[in-house]
C-alpha atoms as a PDB file:
ATOM      1  CA  MET A   1    -161.932 135.514  11.811  1.00  0.00           C
ATOM      2  CA  ALA A   2    -161.605 135.568   7.847  1.00  0.00           C
ATOM      3  CA  SER A   3    -158.777 137.673   5.523  1.00  0.00           C
ATOM      4  CA  LYS A   4    -160.351 140.850   4.388  1.00  0.00           C
ATOM      5  CA  LYS A   5    -160.214 141.905   0.559  1.00  0.00           C
ATOM      6  CA  ALA A   6    -158.756 145.232  -0.045  1.00  0.00           C
ATOM      7  CA  ALA A   7    -162.077 146.482  -1.358  1.00  0.00           C
ATOM      8  CA  GLU A   8    -163.303 146.362   2.013  1.00  0.00           C
ATOM      9  CA  PHE A   9    -160.748 147.986   3.407  1.00  0.00           C
ATOM     10  CA  LYS A  10    -160.963 151.214   0.855  1.00  0.00           C
ATOM     11  CA  GLU A  11    -164.349 151.489   1.886  1.00  0.00           C
ATOM     12  CA  MET A  12    -163.370 151.773   5.635  1.00  0.00           C
ATOM     13  CA  THR A  13    -162.362 156.086   7.308  1.00  0.00           C
ATOM     14  CA  ALA A  14    -158.806 156.910   8.085  1.00  0.00           C
ATOM     15  CA  GLU A  15    -159.157 156.234  11.624  1.00  0.00           C
ATOM     16  CA  ASP A  16    -160.848 153.155  11.159  1.00  0.00           C
ATOM     17  CA  LEU A  17    -157.952 152.171   8.886  1.00  0.00           C
ATOM     18  CA  GLN A  18    -156.090 153.336  12.117  1.00  0.00           C
ATOM     19  CA  GLU A  19    -157.886 151.276  14.565  1.00  0.00           C
ATOM     20  CA  LYS A  20    -157.577 148.129  12.325  1.00  0.00           C
ATOM     21  CA  LEU A  21    -154.465 147.952  12.049  1.00  0.00           C
ATOM     22  CA  LYS A  22    -153.557 148.497  15.623  1.00  0.00           C
ATOM     23  CA  SER A  23    -155.608 145.435  15.798  1.00  0.00           C
ATOM     24  CA  LEU A  24    -154.247 143.537  13.573  1.00  0.00           C
ATOM     25  CA  LYS A  25    -150.940 144.388  14.561  1.00  0.00           C
ATOM     26  CA  GLN A  26    -152.219 143.160  18.242  1.00  0.00           C
ATOM     27  CA  GLU A  27    -152.947 140.298  17.054  1.00  0.00           C
ATOM     28  CA  LEU A  28    -150.010 139.041  14.869  1.00  0.00           C
ATOM     29  CA  PHE A  29    -148.040 139.631  18.523  1.00  0.00           C
ATOM     30  CA  ASN A  30    -150.594 136.735  20.061  1.00  0.00           C
ATOM     31  CA  LEU A  31    -149.782 134.224  17.452  1.00  0.00           C
ATOM     32  CA  ARG A  32    -145.680 135.162  17.688  1.00  0.00           C
ATOM     33  CA  PHE A  33    -146.336 134.634  21.213  1.00  0.00           C
ATOM     34  CA  GLN A  34    -148.700 131.184  20.333  1.00  0.00           C
ATOM     35  CA  LEU A  35    -145.961 130.353  18.036  1.00  0.00           C
ATOM     36  CA  ALA A  36    -143.141 130.780  20.415  1.00  0.00           C
ATOM     37  CA  ILE A  37    -144.636 129.045  23.223  1.00  0.00           C
ATOM     38  CA  ASN A  38    -146.099 125.813  20.818  1.00  0.00           C
ATOM     39  CA  GLN A  39    -149.688 126.966  21.583  1.00  0.00           C
ATOM     40  CA  LEU A  40    -150.521 127.987  17.630  1.00  0.00           C
ATOM     41  CA  ASP A  41    -153.210 126.005  16.518  1.00  0.00           C
ATOM     42  CA  ASN A  42    -153.063 127.594  12.766  1.00  0.00           C
ATOM     43  CA  PRO A  43    -149.130 128.601  11.841  1.00  0.00           C
ATOM     44  CA  MET A  44    -150.983 129.916   8.316  1.00  0.00           C
ATOM     45  CA  ARG A  45    -153.360 132.507  10.313  1.00  0.00           C
ATOM     46  CA  ILE A  46    -149.868 134.734  10.847  1.00  0.00           C
ATOM     47  CA  LYS A  47    -149.476 134.445   7.282  1.00  0.00           C
ATOM     48  CA  ALA A  48    -152.708 136.294   6.582  1.00  0.00           C
ATOM     49  CA  VAL A  49    -152.480 138.523   8.923  1.00  0.00           C
ATOM     50  CA  LYS A  50    -149.720 140.185   7.919  1.00  0.00           C
ATOM     51  CA  LYS A  51    -151.603 140.567   4.510  1.00  0.00           C
ATOM     52  CA  ASP A  52    -153.980 142.044   6.416  1.00  0.00           C
ATOM     53  CA  ILE A  53    -151.540 144.568   7.470  1.00  0.00           C
ATOM     54  CA  ALA A  54    -149.923 145.163   4.080  1.00  0.00           C
ATOM     55  CA  ARG A  55    -153.285 145.199   2.589  1.00  0.00           C
ATOM     56  CA  VAL A  56    -154.036 147.947   5.107  1.00  0.00           C
ATOM     57  CA  TYR A  57    -150.749 150.027   4.535  1.00  0.00           C
ATOM     58  CA  THR A  58    -151.798 149.758   1.245  1.00  0.00           C
ATOM     59  CA  VAL A  59    -155.567 151.274   1.288  1.00  0.00           C
ATOM     60  CA  ILE A  60    -153.673 154.208   3.442  1.00  0.00           C
ATOM     61  CA  ARG A  61    -150.725 155.287   1.387  1.00  0.00           C
ATOM     62  CA  GLU A  62    -153.426 155.414  -1.405  1.00  0.00           C
ATOM     63  CA  GLN A  63    -156.037 158.077   0.456  1.00  0.00           C
ATOM     64  CA  GLN A  64    -152.834 159.534   1.038  1.00  0.00           C
ATOM     65  CA  ILE A  65    -151.847 159.763  -2.692  1.00  0.00           C
ATOM     66  CA  GLU A  66    -155.412 160.814  -3.630  1.00  0.00           C
ATOM     67  CA  SER A  67    -156.234 163.232  -1.044  1.00  0.00           C
ATOM     68  CA  SER A  68    -153.176 165.091  -1.957  1.00  0.00           C
ATOM     69  CA  LYS A  69    -153.587 165.073  -5.578  1.00  0.00           C
ATOM     70  CA  ASN A  70    -157.022 166.537  -4.436  1.00  0.00           C
ATOM     71  CA  ALA A  71    -155.259 169.749  -2.483  1.00  0.00           C
END
């Protein structure tokens, strides 16, 4: 799975973002587990997943700020 851009995350709803965050965290856990038992094929994938998690958190926060401005 390729890394997504922030624009793609901005199109998602809050529920979709939470689901995506959950799946990314699970993937990161699995990658770290593979790294620990020396079965990881692409160690750069860990970095990409961490960046995607950060992007999701950023979009969630942007949506929270936007909704507080509108309220």
